[in-house]
Protein backbone atom coordinates (compact mmCIF):
# COMPACT_ATOMS: atom_id res chain seq x y z
CA MET A 1 106.33 148.61 -6.29
CA LEU A 2 104.49 145.40 -5.37
CA LEU A 3 101.76 145.52 -2.72
CA GLY A 4 103.78 143.39 -0.30
CA GLU A 5 106.83 145.60 -0.67
CA ARG A 6 104.76 148.74 -0.10
CA THR A 7 103.15 147.24 3.00
CA LEU A 8 106.55 146.43 4.48
CA LEU A 9 107.76 149.95 3.73
CA VAL A 10 104.73 151.54 5.39
CA LYS A 11 105.06 149.27 8.43
CA LYS A 12 108.66 150.41 8.76
CA ARG A 13 107.55 154.02 8.60
CA ILE A 14 105.01 153.38 11.34
CA ARG A 15 107.67 151.87 13.61
CA VAL A 16 110.20 154.63 12.94
CA GLY A 17 107.69 157.44 13.29
CA ARG A 18 106.09 156.31 16.52
CA PHE A 19 106.73 158.22 19.73
CA LYS A 20 107.79 156.21 22.78
CA MET A 21 104.72 156.47 24.98
CA PRO A 22 102.97 154.49 27.71
CA LYS A 23 100.87 151.60 26.47
CA GLU A 24 97.12 151.57 26.90
CA THR A 25 94.98 148.52 26.25
CA ILE A 26 91.94 148.98 24.02
CA LYS A 27 89.69 145.97 23.41
CA GLY A 28 92.42 143.74 24.81
CA ARG A 29 95.12 144.97 22.44
CA ASP A 30 98.28 146.79 23.50
CA ILE A 31 98.72 149.97 21.49
CA CYS A 32 100.75 153.10 22.20
CA MET A 33 98.54 156.07 22.93
CA LYS A 34 99.31 159.70 23.61
CA SER A 35 95.86 160.11 25.05
CA SER A 36 96.04 163.59 26.52
CA ILE A 37 96.57 165.44 23.24
CA ASN A 38 93.09 164.55 21.98
CA GLY A 39 90.48 164.85 24.68
CA MET A 40 87.59 164.46 22.26
CA ALA A 41 88.90 161.05 21.20
CA GLU A 42 88.72 160.00 24.84
CA GLU A 43 85.22 161.47 25.17
CA PHE A 44 83.87 159.65 22.11
CA ARG A 45 85.39 156.38 23.29
CA SER A 46 83.68 156.88 26.66
CA GLN A 47 80.35 157.34 24.84
CA LEU A 48 80.89 154.01 23.09
CA ASN A 49 81.47 152.36 26.46
CA LYS A 50 78.20 153.61 27.96
CA PRO A 51 74.90 151.71 27.73
CA GLY A 52 72.61 152.47 24.79
CA ALA A 53 73.23 153.69 21.27
CA VAL A 54 75.19 156.77 20.23
CA GLU A 55 73.11 158.96 17.88
CA LEU A 56 75.43 160.58 15.34
CA PRO A 57 73.94 163.27 13.07
CA GLY A 58 75.78 164.43 9.97
CA CYS A 59 76.93 168.01 9.41
CA TYR A 60 78.29 169.51 6.21
CA ASP A 61 79.94 172.73 7.43
CA VAL A 62 80.66 174.62 10.65
CA LEU A 63 77.25 176.28 10.99
CA SER A 64 75.35 173.02 10.55
CA ALA A 65 77.66 171.39 13.13
CA MET A 66 77.00 174.22 15.60
CA ILE A 67 73.25 173.82 15.11
CA LEU A 68 73.46 170.06 15.74
CA GLU A 69 75.39 170.74 18.94
CA GLU A 70 72.79 173.35 19.95
CA ALA A 71 70.05 170.77 19.31
CA GLY A 72 71.58 168.64 22.04
CA PHE A 73 73.50 165.89 20.22
CA ASN A 74 76.61 164.62 22.01
CA ALA A 75 78.73 164.06 18.87
CA VAL A 76 78.53 164.96 15.19
CA PHE A 77 79.65 163.38 11.94
CA LEU A 78 81.37 165.41 9.21
CA SER A 79 79.86 163.81 6.12
CA GLY A 80 81.97 163.37 3.00
CA TYR A 81 78.71 163.35 1.04
CA GLY A 82 77.73 166.64 2.65
CA VAL A 83 81.12 168.31 2.23
CA ALA A 84 81.22 167.34 -1.45
CA ALA A 85 77.77 168.88 -1.98
CA SER A 86 78.11 172.01 0.17
CA MET A 87 81.74 172.97 -0.43
CA LEU A 88 82.16 171.88 -4.05
CA GLY A 89 78.66 171.26 -5.43
CA ASN A 90 79.73 167.73 -6.35
CA PRO A 91 78.15 164.31 -5.98
CA ASP A 92 79.85 161.86 -3.65
CA ILE A 93 82.14 160.23 -6.22
CA GLY A 94 85.56 160.71 -4.67
CA LEU A 95 86.36 164.21 -5.92
CA THR A 96 86.96 165.68 -2.46
CA SER A 97 90.61 165.67 -1.40
CA LEU A 98 92.25 165.21 1.99
CA ALA A 99 93.17 168.90 2.02
CA GLU A 100 89.52 169.92 1.69
CA THR A 101 88.30 167.40 4.25
CA ALA A 102 91.04 168.33 6.73
CA ALA A 103 90.27 172.04 6.37
CA ALA A 104 86.58 171.44 7.01
CA ALA A 105 87.34 169.13 9.94
CA LYS A 106 89.68 171.61 11.61
CA SER A 107 87.08 174.36 11.37
CA VAL A 108 84.35 172.15 12.83
CA VAL A 109 86.58 170.88 15.64
CA ASN A 110 87.56 174.45 16.51
CA ALA A 111 83.91 175.50 16.78
CA LEU A 112 82.49 172.69 18.94
CA LYS A 113 82.95 171.21 22.38
CA ILE A 114 81.67 167.75 21.44
CA PRO A 115 83.44 164.93 19.52
CA ILE A 116 83.69 165.00 15.73
CA VAL A 117 83.66 161.85 13.58
CA VAL A 118 85.08 162.40 10.09
CA ASP A 119 84.34 160.54 6.87
CA ILE A 120 87.69 159.88 5.14
CA ASP A 121 86.20 157.97 2.19
CA ASN A 122 88.67 155.21 1.24
CA GLY A 123 91.67 156.91 2.83
CA TYR A 124 92.34 159.01 -0.29
CA GLY A 125 94.70 156.43 -1.78
CA ASN A 126 97.10 153.79 -0.52
CA GLU A 127 98.72 153.11 2.85
CA ASP A 128 100.92 156.22 2.63
CA ASN A 129 97.82 158.36 2.19
CA VAL A 130 96.15 156.70 5.17
CA LEU A 131 99.15 157.48 7.38
CA ARG A 132 98.91 161.14 6.45
CA VAL A 133 95.13 161.22 6.98
CA ILE A 134 95.43 159.85 10.51
CA HIS A 135 98.24 162.25 11.39
CA GLU A 136 96.43 165.29 9.99
CA LEU A 137 93.11 164.57 11.64
CA GLU A 138 94.01 163.28 15.08
CA TYR A 139 96.29 166.26 15.71
CA SER A 140 93.38 168.49 14.70
CA GLY A 141 91.33 166.98 17.51
CA VAL A 142 89.15 164.64 15.45
CA ALA A 143 87.66 161.94 17.69
CA ALA A 144 87.04 159.21 15.11
CA VAL A 145 87.28 158.40 11.42
CA ILE A 146 85.27 156.18 9.09
CA MET A 147 87.25 154.49 6.30
CA GLU A 148 85.57 152.44 3.58
CA ASP A 149 86.80 149.74 1.20
CA GLN A 150 85.53 151.09 -2.13
CA ILE A 151 87.55 151.46 -5.31
CA MET A 152 88.23 154.83 -6.90
CA PRO A 153 86.11 156.56 -8.01
CA LYS A 154 83.89 155.73 -5.05
CA ARG A 155 80.13 156.19 -4.70
CA CYS A 156 77.68 157.04 -1.95
CA GLY A 157 77.08 154.04 0.30
CA HIS A 158 73.38 153.92 -0.61
CA SER A 159 74.02 154.01 -4.36
CA GLY A 160 74.03 151.00 -6.65
CA ASN A 161 76.92 149.49 -8.60
CA LYS A 162 79.44 149.91 -5.79
CA GLN A 163 82.72 148.04 -6.06
CA VAL A 164 85.23 147.19 -3.34
CA ILE A 165 88.98 146.68 -3.43
CA PRO A 166 90.52 143.26 -2.67
CA ILE A 167 90.32 142.49 1.03
CA GLU A 168 94.14 142.26 1.33
CA GLN A 169 94.50 145.86 0.14
CA TYR A 170 91.93 147.18 2.58
CA MET A 171 93.36 145.23 5.49
CA ALA A 172 96.77 146.77 4.79
CA LYS A 173 95.23 150.25 4.91
CA LEU A 174 93.25 149.42 8.03
CA GLU A 175 96.40 148.18 9.76
CA CYS A 176 98.11 151.46 8.94
CA ALA A 177 95.20 153.45 10.34
CA LEU A 178 95.13 151.43 13.55
CA LYS A 179 98.85 151.26 14.23
CA SER A 180 99.76 154.82 13.25
CA ARG A 181 97.42 156.40 15.80
CA GLN A 182 99.11 158.47 18.49
CA THR A 183 95.84 159.06 20.41
CA PRO A 184 92.73 157.03 21.37
CA MET A 185 91.09 158.04 18.07
CA THR A 186 88.32 155.57 17.17
CA VAL A 187 88.62 153.83 13.80
CA ILE A 188 85.34 152.77 12.19
CA ALA A 189 85.92 150.27 9.38
CA ARG A 190 83.25 150.30 6.69
CA THR A 191 82.53 147.86 3.89
CA ASP A 192 80.43 148.63 0.84
CA SER A 193 80.32 145.10 -0.51
CA MET A 194 76.92 144.57 -2.09
CA ASP A 195 77.01 140.84 -1.32
CA LEU A 196 75.76 140.51 2.25
CA SER A 197 77.71 137.34 3.03
CA GLU A 198 80.93 138.91 1.78
CA ALA A 199 80.17 142.12 3.68
CA ILE A 200 79.68 140.19 6.93
CA SER A 201 82.90 138.27 6.32
CA ARG A 202 84.77 141.53 5.77
CA ALA A 203 83.27 143.13 8.88
CA LYS A 204 84.38 140.14 10.95
CA MET A 205 87.92 140.53 9.60
CA PHE A 206 87.87 144.26 10.39
CA HIS A 207 86.85 143.50 13.97
CA SER A 208 89.51 140.81 14.35
CA ALA A 209 92.15 143.24 13.07
CA GLY A 210 91.27 145.74 15.81
CA ALA A 211 88.68 148.09 14.28
CA ASP A 212 86.79 149.77 17.11
CA VAL A 213 83.49 149.82 15.21
CA THR A 214 82.33 148.17 11.98
CA LEU A 215 79.83 149.47 9.43
CA ILE A 216 78.17 147.60 6.57
CA ASP A 217 76.61 150.39 4.55
CA GLY A 218 73.47 150.20 2.46
CA LEU A 219 71.68 147.35 4.24
CA SER A 220 68.51 146.91 2.25
CA SER A 221 66.09 145.01 4.50
CA ARG A 222 65.14 144.22 8.06
CA ASP A 223 66.39 140.69 7.54
CA ALA A 224 69.81 142.03 6.47
CA ILE A 225 69.94 144.31 9.51
CA LYS A 226 69.05 141.41 11.80
CA ARG A 227 71.64 139.14 10.20
CA VAL A 228 74.41 141.72 10.63
CA ALA A 229 73.37 142.29 14.24
CA ASP A 230 73.51 138.55 14.94
CA GLU A 231 76.68 137.63 13.05
CA VAL A 232 79.09 140.56 13.32
CA PRO A 233 80.85 140.86 16.71
CA GLY A 234 81.75 144.04 18.56
CA HIS A 235 80.43 147.57 18.19
CA LYS A 236 78.39 148.03 15.01
CA GLN A 237 77.20 151.18 13.23
CA ILE A 238 74.24 151.60 10.91
CA ASN A 239 73.64 154.46 8.48
CA LEU A 240 70.06 155.76 8.09
CA ILE A 241 69.27 157.99 5.10
CA TYR A 242 65.83 159.33 4.21
CA GLY A 243 65.07 157.86 0.80
CA GLY A 244 68.07 155.54 1.01
CA LYS A 245 68.32 151.75 0.99
CA THR A 246 68.16 150.98 4.70
CA PRO A 247 64.81 150.67 6.53
CA LEU A 248 64.41 153.54 8.99
CA LEU A 249 64.11 151.66 12.27
CA SER A 250 63.98 153.49 15.60
CA VAL A 251 67.09 153.96 17.72
CA LYS A 252 65.45 151.87 20.46
CA GLU A 253 64.94 148.93 18.11
CA LEU A 254 68.42 149.20 16.62
CA ALA A 255 70.02 149.36 20.06
CA GLU A 256 68.08 146.29 21.15
CA LEU A 257 69.34 144.48 18.05
CA GLY A 258 72.91 145.34 19.01
CA PHE A 259 73.88 148.43 17.02
CA LYS A 260 76.04 150.83 19.01
CA VAL A 261 76.13 153.83 16.67
CA VAL A 262 73.13 155.11 14.71
CA LEU A 263 74.34 157.44 11.99
CA TYR A 264 72.01 160.07 10.55
CA SER A 265 74.40 161.10 7.79
CA THR A 266 72.16 163.36 5.67
CA PRO A 267 69.02 164.69 7.49
CA ALA A 268 70.56 168.09 8.29
CA LEU A 269 71.69 168.51 4.68
CA TYR A 270 68.35 167.41 3.23
CA ALA A 271 66.27 169.48 5.65
CA ALA A 272 68.36 172.58 4.91
CA ALA A 273 68.17 172.01 1.16
CA GLN A 274 64.40 171.49 1.19
CA THR A 275 63.70 174.50 3.43
CA LEU A 276 66.02 176.78 1.45
CA LEU A 277 64.57 175.75 -1.90
CA GLU A 278 60.95 176.15 -0.81
CA SER A 279 61.41 179.46 1.01
CA MET A 280 63.55 181.07 -1.69
CA ARG A 281 61.15 179.95 -4.41
CA ARG A 282 58.30 181.51 -2.45
CA LEU A 283 60.29 184.73 -2.05
CA ARG A 284 61.02 184.89 -5.76
CA GLU A 285 57.37 184.36 -6.64
CA SER A 286 55.89 186.70 -4.01
CA HIS A 287 58.52 189.46 -4.09
CA ASP A 288 57.70 189.92 -0.40
CA ILE A 289 60.17 188.91 2.33
CA ASN A 290 57.30 188.59 4.80
CA SER A 291 56.18 185.49 2.90
CA ILE A 292 59.05 183.48 4.38
CA SER A 293 59.02 184.90 7.92
CA SER A 294 57.70 181.65 9.40
CA GLU A 295 60.74 179.71 8.07
CA SER A 296 63.31 182.33 9.03
CA ILE A 297 65.13 182.93 12.29
CA PRO A 298 65.05 186.63 13.26
CA PHE A 299 68.23 188.70 13.00
CA LYS A 300 68.46 189.17 16.77
CA ASN A 301 68.17 185.45 17.50
CA PHE A 302 70.77 184.48 14.90
CA GLN A 303 73.20 187.11 16.16
CA GLU A 304 72.76 185.95 19.74
CA PHE A 305 73.40 182.35 18.71
CA ILE A 306 76.55 183.11 16.71
CA GLU A 307 77.97 185.51 19.28
CA ARG A 308 77.31 183.10 22.15
CA LYS A 309 79.05 180.25 20.33
CA TYR A 310 81.95 182.57 19.50
CA ALA A 311 82.29 183.62 23.14
CA GLU A 312 82.17 180.00 24.32
CA ARG A 313 84.85 179.06 21.79
CA ASN A 314 87.17 181.83 22.95
CA ALA A 315 86.59 180.89 26.59
CA ARG A 316 87.68 177.33 25.82
CA LYS A 317 90.79 178.60 24.04
CA LEU A 318 91.69 180.76 27.04
CA GLU A 319 91.17 177.84 29.40
CA ARG A 320 93.44 175.63 27.28
CA SER A 321 96.06 178.38 27.14
CA ASN A 322 96.03 178.68 30.93
CA HIS A 323 96.28 174.90 31.21
CA LYS A 324 99.28 174.80 28.90
CA SER A 325 101.10 177.36 31.01
CA THR A 326 100.87 175.10 34.07
CA THR A 327 101.56 171.70 32.46
CA ALA A 328 104.28 170.10 30.37
CA PRO A 329 103.86 170.34 26.59
CA SER A 330 103.34 166.60 26.24
CA SER A 331 100.23 166.71 28.39
CA ALA A 332 98.63 169.79 26.87
CA ALA A 333 95.27 169.11 25.23
CA ILE A 334 94.72 170.31 21.71
CA ARG A 335 91.00 170.74 22.20
């Protein structure tokens, strides 16, 4: 099937599959939104509309997400890089499937009371795959997704030798993601073009098409960061990785430049890996568990943390259940 024929087919599926719902205007565009089924999507969008930058740390499983929430962050990012490493022991080269990402996302959403942003790589395929991704994740309570324009197999955004698909192919997938939404889920459109001028051109097209936020990943200098801030309209995201390509500027400086979302995609993963390796190596060498006491949380404290989070989770479920019993099904929140 030719690309144009497939795009027409997917557009038809979007029209046929859409519920008839009230229209809500986002960024001046009329789109149908079933807002009440995904409260966290509404919450994340409200964060984007407030002054200042949104700090978005990356988690790689439920426990790391719970710790980030406990640390006081107002939203977390489920990192594809982190899920590939923690769940499968793989590098970030496109080996993680939608099923694995969706399972991890559902577990994280269920455990937290703050918005979750999910890395969906390049949409796991063509427009049909993107439709399924959006459906699976927004009805799980995911607040936002990040979709990139890399070829398969993909690479980490701060790696070299990245390649992107033709802009027409990505725009077709982006249109599917935007128009198939049934909730106010935020769509963050990411380009991995290694040519800065092309990347800026793509980001401008993403914004014009209706992307809520744009991300040019792997910016390699302060000058590149400044140029993106000056030339790309709308909400912009930047990805900071320790040891990565992008200079590690402060949130204050990035916000002043015009970046709305500051993504810390890997610090939790790297800090956990470093601490675990050093403490376990010391334990193996010393044969004495007391040698790692300074790096370890005591049993009582860990139990209190897990049990408190479990109790809070169940209280939220009970509250939602009581809400459902007094409202129509169409207005019942899933989170």
